[in-house]
Amino acid sequence: MKGRVLWFVAGTTAGVYGTFKAKRLADRFTPTGIVDQVAAWQVGLQAFTEEVRAGMSVREAEVAEHLGLPPEALARALPASRHPDASRQLPPHHE
């Protein structure tokens, strides 16, 4: 008897879990779900880009210090697209 109850509970649990997973997967492929995924991807990309830029600035300062250059000399030598005021910003996400 205990074995049947155990298998019944296990089957019910698996069914409920599968139903929730299927619903979540179906929601991801609705227009709203796709918009949310793209927005999350954009936020992640922007955060990654900012981290890379911050790391590059730190490394550039280390190289300038190692070479004995003043920090402003390195900023003048870089292309205009590398200056922070010329960086592109992703458009804000509106819900």
N, C-alpha and C. Protein backbone atom coordinates (compact mmCIF):
# COMPACT_ATOMS: atom_id res chain seq x y z
N MET A 1 0.82 -1.19 0.00
CA MET A 1 0.00 0.00 0.00
C MET A 1 0.87 1.27 0.00
N LYS A 2 1.94 1.25 0.82
CA LYS A 2 2.81 2.42 0.89
C LYS A 2 3.47 2.68 -0.46
N GLY A 3 3.81 1.64 -1.17
CA GLY A 3 4.43 1.79 -2.48
C GLY A 3 3.52 2.51 -3.47
N ARG A 4 2.23 2.16 -3.45
CA ARG A 4 1.27 2.81 -4.35
C ARG A 4 1.11 4.29 -4.01
N VAL A 5 1.06 4.61 -2.73
CA VAL A 5 0.93 6.01 -2.32
C VAL A 5 2.17 6.78 -2.73
N LEU A 6 3.33 6.17 -2.53
CA LEU A 6 4.58 6.83 -2.92
C LEU A 6 4.60 7.13 -4.41
N TRP A 7 4.22 6.15 -5.24
CA TRP A 7 4.23 6.35 -6.68
C TRP A 7 3.15 7.36 -7.11
N PHE A 8 2.04 7.37 -6.41
CA PHE A 8 0.99 8.35 -6.71
C PHE A 8 1.49 9.77 -6.43
N VAL A 9 2.13 9.95 -5.27
CA VAL A 9 2.67 11.27 -4.91
C VAL A 9 3.77 11.68 -5.88
N ALA A 10 4.64 10.74 -6.23
CA ALA A 10 5.73 11.05 -7.17
C ALA A 10 5.16 11.43 -8.54
N GLY A 11 4.16 10.73 -9.00
CA GLY A 11 3.54 11.03 -10.29
C GLY A 11 2.84 12.38 -10.28
N THR A 12 2.14 12.66 -9.21
CA THR A 12 1.45 13.95 -9.09
C THR A 12 2.44 15.09 -9.06
N THR A 13 3.51 14.92 -8.31
CA THR A 13 4.54 15.95 -8.23
C THR A 13 5.17 16.19 -9.60
N ALA A 14 5.49 15.12 -10.30
CA ALA A 14 6.08 15.25 -11.63
C ALA A 14 5.11 15.93 -12.59
N GLY A 15 3.83 15.62 -12.50
CA GLY A 15 2.84 16.23 -13.37
C GLY A 15 2.69 17.72 -13.11
N VAL A 16 2.65 18.11 -11.85
CA VAL A 16 2.53 19.53 -11.50
C VAL A 16 3.78 20.28 -11.94
N TYR A 17 4.94 19.70 -11.69
CA TYR A 17 6.20 20.34 -12.09
C TYR A 17 6.25 20.51 -13.61
N GLY A 18 5.88 19.46 -14.33
CA GLY A 18 5.89 19.52 -15.80
C GLY A 18 4.91 20.56 -16.33
N THR A 19 3.76 20.68 -15.69
CA THR A 19 2.77 21.67 -16.12
C THR A 19 3.31 23.08 -15.95
N PHE A 20 3.92 23.37 -14.81
CA PHE A 20 4.47 24.70 -14.58
C PHE A 20 5.61 25.00 -15.55
N LYS A 21 6.46 24.02 -15.80
CA LYS A 21 7.57 24.24 -16.74
C LYS A 21 7.05 24.49 -18.15
N ALA A 22 6.03 23.74 -18.56
CA ALA A 22 5.46 23.92 -19.90
C ALA A 22 4.81 25.30 -20.03
N LYS A 23 4.12 25.74 -18.98
CA LYS A 23 3.49 27.06 -19.02
C LYS A 23 4.54 28.16 -19.11
N ARG A 24 5.61 28.03 -18.34
CA ARG A 24 6.68 29.02 -18.38
C ARG A 24 7.34 29.06 -19.76
N LEU A 25 7.55 27.90 -20.35
CA LEU A 25 8.13 27.84 -21.69
C LEU A 25 7.20 28.46 -22.71
N ALA A 26 5.91 28.20 -22.62
CA ALA A 26 4.95 28.78 -23.55
C ALA A 26 4.89 30.30 -23.40
N ASP A 27 4.99 30.79 -22.18
CA ASP A 27 4.96 32.24 -21.95
C ASP A 27 6.18 32.94 -22.55
N ARG A 28 7.29 32.25 -22.62
CA ARG A 28 8.50 32.84 -23.20
C ARG A 28 8.34 33.12 -24.68
N PHE A 29 7.47 32.40 -25.37
CA PHE A 29 7.32 32.55 -26.81
C PHE A 29 6.11 33.40 -27.20
N THR A 30 5.52 34.09 -26.25
CA THR A 30 4.48 35.06 -26.57
C THR A 30 5.16 36.37 -26.94
N PRO A 31 4.47 37.28 -27.62
CA PRO A 31 5.11 38.56 -27.98
C PRO A 31 5.67 39.31 -26.75
N THR A 32 4.93 39.31 -25.66
CA THR A 32 5.40 39.98 -24.45
C THR A 32 6.65 39.29 -23.89
N GLY A 33 6.65 37.97 -23.92
CA GLY A 33 7.80 37.22 -23.42
C GLY A 33 9.04 37.47 -24.24
N ILE A 34 8.87 37.55 -25.56
CA ILE A 34 10.02 37.81 -26.43
C ILE A 34 10.56 39.21 -26.20
N VAL A 35 9.65 40.19 -26.04
CA VAL A 35 10.08 41.57 -25.75
C VAL A 35 10.87 41.61 -24.45
N ASP A 36 10.39 40.91 -23.44
CA ASP A 36 11.10 40.87 -22.16
C ASP A 36 12.48 40.24 -22.29
N GLN A 37 12.58 39.18 -23.08
CA GLN A 37 13.87 38.52 -23.27
C GLN A 37 14.85 39.44 -24.00
N VAL A 38 14.37 40.14 -25.02
CA VAL A 38 15.24 41.06 -25.76
C VAL A 38 15.69 42.20 -24.85
N ALA A 39 14.77 42.73 -24.05
CA ALA A 39 15.12 43.82 -23.13
C ALA A 39 16.15 43.35 -22.12
N ALA A 40 15.99 42.15 -21.60
CA ALA A 40 16.96 41.62 -20.64
C ALA A 40 18.32 41.43 -21.31
N TRP A 41 18.32 40.99 -22.55
CA TRP A 41 19.56 40.81 -23.29
C TRP A 41 20.25 42.16 -23.49
N GLN A 42 19.47 43.20 -23.80
CA GLN A 42 20.05 44.53 -24.00
C GLN A 42 20.66 45.06 -22.71
N VAL A 43 19.98 44.87 -21.60
CA VAL A 43 20.51 45.32 -20.32
C VAL A 43 21.82 44.58 -19.99
N GLY A 44 21.82 43.28 -20.25
CA GLY A 44 23.03 42.50 -20.01
C GLY A 44 24.18 42.94 -20.90
N LEU A 45 23.88 43.22 -22.15
CA LEU A 45 24.91 43.68 -23.08
C LEU A 45 25.46 45.03 -22.65
N GLN A 46 24.58 45.94 -22.22
CA GLN A 46 25.04 47.25 -21.77
C GLN A 46 25.91 47.12 -20.52
N ALA A 47 25.52 46.27 -19.59
CA ALA A 47 26.33 46.08 -18.38
C ALA A 47 27.69 45.49 -18.74
N PHE A 48 27.70 44.52 -19.64
CA PHE A 48 28.96 43.92 -20.07
C PHE A 48 29.86 44.96 -20.74
N THR A 49 29.28 45.80 -21.59
CA THR A 49 30.05 46.83 -22.28
C THR A 49 30.66 47.82 -21.28
N GLU A 50 29.87 48.21 -20.28
CA GLU A 50 30.39 49.13 -19.28
C GLU A 50 31.52 48.50 -18.48
N GLU A 51 31.39 47.21 -18.16
CA GLU A 51 32.46 46.52 -17.43
C GLU A 51 33.74 46.45 -18.27
N VAL A 52 33.59 46.18 -19.56
CA VAL A 52 34.77 46.10 -20.43
C VAL A 52 35.43 47.47 -20.53
N ARG A 53 34.63 48.52 -20.69
CA ARG A 53 35.20 49.87 -20.77
C ARG A 53 35.92 50.25 -19.48
N ALA A 54 35.33 49.89 -18.35
CA ALA A 54 35.97 50.21 -17.07
C ALA A 54 37.29 49.45 -16.95
N GLY A 55 37.30 48.19 -17.35
CA GLY A 55 38.52 47.40 -17.31
C GLY A 55 39.59 47.95 -18.24
N MET A 56 39.16 48.42 -19.42
CA MET A 56 40.12 48.99 -20.36
C MET A 56 40.72 50.27 -19.80
N SER A 57 39.90 51.08 -19.13
CA SER A 57 40.41 52.33 -18.55
C SER A 57 41.44 52.04 -17.48
N VAL A 58 41.16 51.05 -16.65
CA VAL A 58 42.11 50.67 -15.60
C VAL A 58 43.41 50.19 -16.22
N ARG A 59 43.29 49.34 -17.23
CA ARG A 59 44.50 48.80 -17.88
C ARG A 59 45.28 49.90 -18.59
N GLU A 60 44.58 50.83 -19.24
CA GLU A 60 45.26 51.93 -19.91
C GLU A 60 46.02 52.80 -18.90
N ALA A 61 45.42 53.01 -17.73
CA ALA A 61 46.11 53.78 -16.69
C ALA A 61 47.35 53.04 -16.20
N GLU A 62 47.25 51.71 -16.07
CA GLU A 62 48.41 50.92 -15.66
C GLU A 62 49.52 51.00 -16.70
N VAL A 63 49.16 50.92 -17.99
CA VAL A 63 50.16 51.00 -19.05
C VAL A 63 50.81 52.38 -19.06
N ALA A 64 49.98 53.43 -18.92
CA ALA A 64 50.52 54.79 -18.91
C ALA A 64 51.48 54.97 -17.74
N GLU A 65 51.10 54.44 -16.58
CA GLU A 65 51.98 54.54 -15.41
C GLU A 65 53.28 53.78 -15.63
N HIS A 66 53.17 52.60 -16.23
CA HIS A 66 54.35 51.78 -16.49
C HIS A 66 55.29 52.48 -17.48
N LEU A 67 54.72 53.18 -18.47
CA LEU A 67 55.53 53.87 -19.47
C LEU A 67 55.98 55.25 -19.00
N GLY A 68 55.46 55.68 -17.85
CA GLY A 68 55.83 56.99 -17.34
C GLY A 68 55.13 58.14 -18.05
N LEU A 69 53.99 57.88 -18.63
CA LEU A 69 53.23 58.92 -19.33
C LEU A 69 52.18 59.52 -18.41
N PRO A 70 51.89 60.79 -18.57
CA PRO A 70 50.78 61.36 -17.81
C PRO A 70 49.46 60.82 -18.36
N PRO A 71 48.43 60.64 -17.54
CA PRO A 71 47.18 60.07 -18.00
C PRO A 71 46.52 60.84 -19.14
N GLU A 72 46.66 62.17 -19.16
CA GLU A 72 46.02 62.95 -20.23
C GLU A 72 46.69 62.72 -21.58
N ALA A 73 47.97 62.34 -21.59
CA ALA A 73 48.66 62.06 -22.85
C ALA A 73 48.05 60.83 -23.51
N LEU A 74 47.69 59.86 -22.72
CA LEU A 74 47.07 58.65 -23.26
C LEU A 74 45.68 58.97 -23.80
N ALA A 75 44.93 59.85 -23.13
CA ALA A 75 43.59 60.22 -23.60
C ALA A 75 43.68 60.96 -24.94
N ARG A 76 44.70 61.77 -25.12
CA ARG A 76 44.85 62.48 -26.41
C ARG A 76 45.23 61.51 -27.52
N ALA A 77 45.93 60.44 -27.21
CA ALA A 77 46.38 59.51 -28.23
C ALA A 77 45.29 58.55 -28.68
N LEU A 78 44.23 58.40 -27.87
CA LEU A 78 43.16 57.48 -28.22
C LEU A 78 42.23 58.08 -29.26
N PRO A 79 41.61 57.23 -30.09
CA PRO A 79 40.63 57.74 -31.06
C PRO A 79 39.43 58.37 -30.34
N ALA A 80 38.71 59.23 -31.02
CA ALA A 80 37.58 59.94 -30.41
C ALA A 80 36.49 58.98 -29.97
N SER A 81 36.34 57.87 -30.64
CA SER A 81 35.28 56.92 -30.28
C SER A 81 35.51 56.27 -28.93
N ARG A 82 36.72 56.35 -28.38
CA ARG A 82 37.03 55.73 -27.10
C ARG A 82 36.74 56.64 -25.93
N HIS A 83 36.48 57.91 -26.18
CA HIS A 83 36.19 58.83 -25.09
C HIS A 83 34.81 58.55 -24.54
N PRO A 84 34.61 58.65 -23.22
CA PRO A 84 33.33 58.32 -22.60
C PRO A 84 32.16 59.14 -23.13
N ASP A 85 32.39 60.41 -23.49
CA ASP A 85 31.27 61.23 -23.96
C ASP A 85 30.82 60.83 -25.36
N ALA A 86 31.62 60.07 -26.08
CA ALA A 86 31.25 59.66 -27.43
C ALA A 86 30.66 58.25 -27.47
N SER A 87 30.50 57.62 -26.31
CA SER A 87 30.00 56.25 -26.29
C SER A 87 28.52 56.22 -26.61
N ARG A 88 28.12 55.15 -27.27
CA ARG A 88 26.71 54.98 -27.63
C ARG A 88 25.95 54.42 -26.44
N GLN A 89 24.75 54.88 -26.26
CA GLN A 89 23.89 54.38 -25.22
C GLN A 89 22.75 53.62 -25.87
N LEU A 90 22.38 52.50 -25.29
CA LEU A 90 21.23 51.77 -25.78
C LEU A 90 19.96 52.53 -25.39
N PRO A 91 18.92 52.47 -26.24
CA PRO A 91 17.69 53.17 -25.89
C PRO A 91 17.07 52.55 -24.64
N PRO A 92 16.38 53.36 -23.84
CA PRO A 92 15.76 52.81 -22.62
C PRO A 92 14.59 51.91 -22.98
N HIS A 93 14.35 50.96 -22.12
CA HIS A 93 13.25 50.01 -22.32
C HIS A 93 11.99 50.57 -21.67
N HIS A 94 10.92 50.66 -22.44
CA HIS A 94 9.64 51.15 -21.92
C HIS A 94 8.68 49.98 -21.83
N GLU A 95 8.05 49.83 -20.69
CA GLU A 95 7.08 48.74 -20.51
C GLU A 95 5.69 49.24 -20.71
